[in-house]
C-alpha atoms as a PDB file:
ATOM      1  CA  MET A   1      -2.648-139.442-107.907  1.00  0.00           C
ATOM      2  CA  MET A   2      -2.898-138.884-104.163  1.00  0.00           C
ATOM      3  CA  GLU A   3      -4.442-135.703-102.883  1.00  0.00           C
ATOM      4  CA  GLN A   4      -4.344-134.226 -99.439  1.00  0.00           C
ATOM      5  CA  MET A   5      -7.098-132.108 -97.915  1.00  0.00           C
ATOM      6  CA  THR A   6      -5.899-129.289 -95.675  1.00  0.00           C
ATOM      7  CA  ALA A   7      -8.269-126.963 -93.807  1.00  0.00           C
ATOM      8  CA  GLY A   8     -10.929-127.202 -96.451  1.00  0.00           C
ATOM      9  CA  ARG A   9      -8.506-126.631 -99.298  1.00  0.00           C
ATOM     10  CA  LYS A  10      -7.282-129.141-101.778  1.00  0.00           C
ATOM     11  CA  ALA A  11      -3.482-129.558-101.971  1.00  0.00           C
ATOM     12  CA  SER A  12      -1.552-131.507-104.549  1.00  0.00           C
ATOM     13  CA  GLY A  13       2.018-131.701-105.772  1.00  0.00           C
ATOM     14  CA  PHE A  14       5.124-131.245-103.668  1.00  0.00           C
ATOM     15  CA  ALA A  15       5.227-129.763-100.204  1.00  0.00           C
ATOM     16  CA  SER A  16       6.693-126.300 -99.762  1.00  0.00           C
ATOM     17  CA  PRO A  17      10.476-126.264 -99.201  1.00  0.00           C
ATOM     18  CA  ALA A  18       9.783-123.902 -96.276  1.00  0.00           C
ATOM     19  CA  LEU A  19       7.599-126.453 -94.532  1.00  0.00           C
ATOM     20  CA  GLY A  20       8.860-126.881 -90.976  1.00  0.00           C
ATOM     21  CA  TYR A  21      10.728-123.562 -90.900  1.00  0.00           C
ATOM     22  CA  GLU A  22       7.789-121.208 -90.615  1.00  0.00           C
ATOM     23  CA  ASN A  23       7.879-120.998 -86.809  1.00  0.00           C
ATOM     24  CA  LYS A  24      11.635-120.827 -86.283  1.00  0.00           C
ATOM     25  CA  GLY A  25      12.956-117.492 -85.071  1.00  0.00           C
ATOM     26  CA  ILE A  26      16.439-116.176 -84.679  1.00  0.00           C
ATOM     27  CA  ASP A  27      18.020-117.338 -81.431  1.00  0.00           C
ATOM     28  CA  LEU A  28      20.671-114.741 -80.574  1.00  0.00           C
ATOM     29  CA  ASN A  29      22.041-116.886 -77.742  1.00  0.00           C
ATOM     30  CA  SER A  30      22.962-119.735 -80.065  1.00  0.00           C
ATOM     31  CA  LEU A  31      24.200-117.314 -82.710  1.00  0.00           C
ATOM     32  CA  LEU A  32      26.437-115.180 -80.479  1.00  0.00           C
ATOM     33  CA  ILE A  33      27.338-117.353 -77.477  1.00  0.00           C
ATOM     34  CA  LYS A  34      29.425-120.457 -78.157  1.00  0.00           C
ATOM     35  CA  GLN A  35      30.647-121.047 -74.576  1.00  0.00           C
ATOM     36  CA  PRO A  36      27.949-119.762 -72.177  1.00  0.00           C
ATOM     37  CA  ALA A  37      29.982-120.337 -69.000  1.00  0.00           C
ATOM     38  CA  ALA A  38      32.893-118.311 -70.433  1.00  0.00           C
ATOM     39  CA  THR A  39      30.935-115.512 -72.132  1.00  0.00           C
ATOM     40  CA  TYR A  40      30.582-112.016 -70.702  1.00  0.00           C
ATOM     41  CA  PHE A  41      29.054-108.776 -71.924  1.00  0.00           C
ATOM     42  CA  PHE A  42      30.729-105.383 -71.616  1.00  0.00           C
ATOM     43  CA  ARG A  43      29.417-101.990 -72.711  1.00  0.00           C
ATOM     44  CA  LEU A  44      31.970 -99.975 -74.699  1.00  0.00           C
ATOM     45  CA  ASP A  45      31.808 -96.546 -73.087  1.00  0.00           C
ATOM     46  CA  SER A  46      34.376 -94.678 -75.171  1.00  0.00           C
ATOM     47  CA  ARG A  47      35.032 -93.815 -78.793  1.00  0.00           C
ATOM     48  CA  ASP A  48      38.538 -95.310 -78.679  1.00  0.00           C
ATOM     49  CA  MET A  49      37.726 -98.148 -81.073  1.00  0.00           C
ATOM     50  CA  ALA A  50      35.471 -96.244 -83.509  1.00  0.00           C
ATOM     51  CA  GLY A  51      38.279 -96.261 -86.081  1.00  0.00           C
ATOM     52  CA  LEU A  52      38.111-100.067 -86.082  1.00  0.00           C
ATOM     53  CA  GLY A  53      34.324-100.143 -86.458  1.00  0.00           C
ATOM     54  CA  LEU A  54      33.302-100.500 -82.799  1.00  0.00           C
ATOM     55  CA  PRO A  55      31.025 -97.584 -81.935  1.00  0.00           C
ATOM     56  CA  GLN A  56      30.602 -96.071 -78.491  1.00  0.00           C
ATOM     57  CA  GLY A  57      27.775 -97.800 -76.645  1.00  0.00           C
ATOM     58  CA  ALA A  58      28.257-101.154 -78.369  1.00  0.00           C
ATOM     59  CA  LEU A  59      27.580-104.212 -76.246  1.00  0.00           C
ATOM     60  CA  LEU A  60      30.662-106.423 -76.607  1.00  0.00           C
ATOM     61  CA  VAL A  61      30.349-110.214 -76.496  1.00  0.00           C
ATOM     62  CA  VAL A  62      33.570-111.458 -74.863  1.00  0.00           C
ATOM     63  CA  ASP A  63      34.593-115.128 -74.816  1.00  0.00           C
ATOM     64  CA  ARG A  64      37.173-115.994 -72.146  1.00  0.00           C
ATOM     65  CA  SER A  65      37.603-119.540 -73.483  1.00  0.00           C
ATOM     66  CA  LYS A  66      39.106-118.402 -76.798  1.00  0.00           C
ATOM     67  CA  VAL A  67      42.873-118.182 -76.969  1.00  0.00           C
ATOM     68  CA  PRO A  68      43.774-114.661 -78.108  1.00  0.00           C
ATOM     69  CA  VAL A  69      46.016-114.374 -81.142  1.00  0.00           C
ATOM     70  CA  PRO A  70      47.336-111.358 -83.031  1.00  0.00           C
ATOM     71  CA  LYS A  71      44.663-109.540 -85.062  1.00  0.00           C
ATOM     72  CA  ASN A  72      41.977-110.347 -82.463  1.00  0.00           C
ATOM     73  CA  ILE A  73      40.014-107.613 -80.768  1.00  0.00           C
ATOM     74  CA  VAL A  74      40.406-108.287 -77.059  1.00  0.00           C
ATOM     75  CA  LEU A  75      39.222-106.957 -73.731  1.00  0.00           C
ATOM     76  CA  ILE A  76      42.160-106.184 -71.454  1.00  0.00           C
ATOM     77  CA  ARG A  77      42.596-104.873 -67.929  1.00  0.00           C
ATOM     78  CA  HIS A  78      45.382-102.297 -67.986  1.00  0.00           C
ATOM     79  CA  GLU A  79      46.350-100.263 -64.911  1.00  0.00           C
ATOM     80  CA  GLY A  80      43.035-101.224 -63.261  1.00  0.00           C
ATOM     81  CA  ARG A  81      40.840-100.191 -66.210  1.00  0.00           C
ATOM     82  CA  PHE A  82      39.007-102.370 -68.732  1.00  0.00           C
ATOM     83  CA  LEU A  83      39.914-101.483 -72.324  1.00  0.00           C
ATOM     84  CA  CYS A  84      38.950-102.863 -75.702  1.00  0.00           C
ATOM     85  CA  ARG A  85      41.975-103.097 -77.980  1.00  0.00           C
ATOM     86  CA  TYR A  86      43.283-104.641 -81.199  1.00  0.00           C
ATOM     87  CA  MET A  87      46.037-107.152 -80.403  1.00  0.00           C
ATOM     88  CA  ILE A  88      49.074-107.132 -82.700  1.00  0.00           C
ATOM     89  CA  LYS A  89      52.661-108.338 -82.774  1.00  0.00           C
ATOM     90  CA  GLN A  90      55.188-105.563 -83.255  1.00  0.00           C
ATOM     91  CA  ASN A  91      58.929-106.185 -83.253  1.00  0.00           C
ATOM     92  CA  GLY A  92      58.363-109.494 -81.481  1.00  0.00           C
ATOM     93  CA  TYR A  93      56.238-107.978 -78.716  1.00  0.00           C
ATOM     94  CA  THR A  94      52.495-108.232 -78.122  1.00  0.00           C
ATOM     95  CA  VAL A  95      50.953-104.761 -78.125  1.00  0.00           C
ATOM     96  CA  PHE A  96      47.415-103.415 -77.975  1.00  0.00           C
ATOM     97  CA  SER A  97      46.169-100.627 -80.201  1.00  0.00           C
ATOM     98  CA  ASN A  98      42.981 -98.613 -80.401  1.00  0.00           C
ATOM     99  CA  GLY A  99      43.424 -98.431 -84.173  1.00  0.00           C
ATOM    100  CA  VAL A 100      44.712 -94.890 -84.248  1.00  0.00           C
ATOM    101  CA  SER A 101      47.979 -94.339 -82.424  1.00  0.00           C
ATOM    102  CA  GLU A 102      47.757 -95.400 -78.793  1.00  0.00           C
ATOM    103  CA  ILE A 103      49.663 -98.616 -78.192  1.00  0.00           C
ATOM    104  CA  SER A 104      50.004-100.372 -74.849  1.00  0.00           C
ATOM    105  CA  PRO A 105      52.561-103.181 -74.490  1.00  0.00           C
ATOM    106  CA  LEU A 106      51.767-106.456 -72.743  1.00  0.00           C
ATOM    107  CA  ASP A 107      53.364-106.081 -69.333  1.00  0.00           C
ATOM    108  CA  ASP A 108      52.847-107.168 -65.724  1.00  0.00           C
ATOM    109  CA  ASP A 109      50.072-104.602 -65.313  1.00  0.00           C
ATOM    110  CA  THR A 110      48.106-105.842 -68.343  1.00  0.00           C
ATOM    111  CA  GLU A 111      45.803-108.862 -68.335  1.00  0.00           C
ATOM    112  CA  ILE A 112      43.918-110.218 -71.339  1.00  0.00           C
ATOM    113  CA  ILE A 113      40.345-110.858 -70.181  1.00  0.00           C
ATOM    114  CA  GLY A 114      38.990-112.431 -73.370  1.00  0.00           C
ATOM    115  CA  VAL A 115      38.412-112.217 -77.114  1.00  0.00           C
ATOM    116  CA  VAL A 116      35.638-109.993 -78.450  1.00  0.00           C
ATOM    117  CA  THR A 117      33.651-112.291 -80.736  1.00  0.00           C
ATOM    118  CA  SER A 118      30.899-109.873 -81.754  1.00  0.00           C
ATOM    119  CA  TYR A 119      29.054-106.773 -80.696  1.00  0.00           C
ATOM    120  CA  ILE A 120      25.494-105.521 -80.573  1.00  0.00           C
ATOM    121  CA  LYS A 121      24.642-101.887 -81.271  1.00  0.00           C
ATOM    122  CA  GLU A 122      21.227-100.465 -80.563  1.00  0.00           C
ATOM    123  CA  PHE A 123      20.175 -97.619 -82.829  1.00  0.00           C
ATOM    124  CA  ASP A 124      18.494 -94.493 -81.610  1.00  0.00           C
ATOM    125  CA  ASN A 125      17.200 -91.503 -83.508  1.00  0.00           C
ATOM    126  CA  ASP A 126      20.661 -89.971 -83.680  1.00  0.00           C
ATOM    127  CA  LEU A 127      22.978 -92.237 -85.688  1.00  0.00           C
ATOM    128  CA  SER A 128      25.932 -89.877 -85.532  1.00  0.00           C
ATOM    129  CA  TYR A 129      29.115 -91.097 -83.928  1.00  0.00           C
END
């Protein structure tokens, strides 16, 4: 039987399955950003999307390289303002909803900026929405 001496201790048997993973941390860049050159961050400054689970103050991760499809959450520019909306098809038209009642149709004054792929929310002492 072979034995290995490690730092004054005697080790035998199989190595730990965690060996080699003990120093690896979580890399948020690789987890959240798939296309770095096409990824932008936007702070959600309204409560418009709270009904769809996006709280005010969330940091949106927006990927411009993804092709938006219905049921995506997207960042749009509408009438000169940036808005986060849920993209749906309704009666053959592409429309954007905040999840409650406001719906904006895709028109000449609306541009899809990118697809929201995730968001980051920092907690403070007051967790109320």
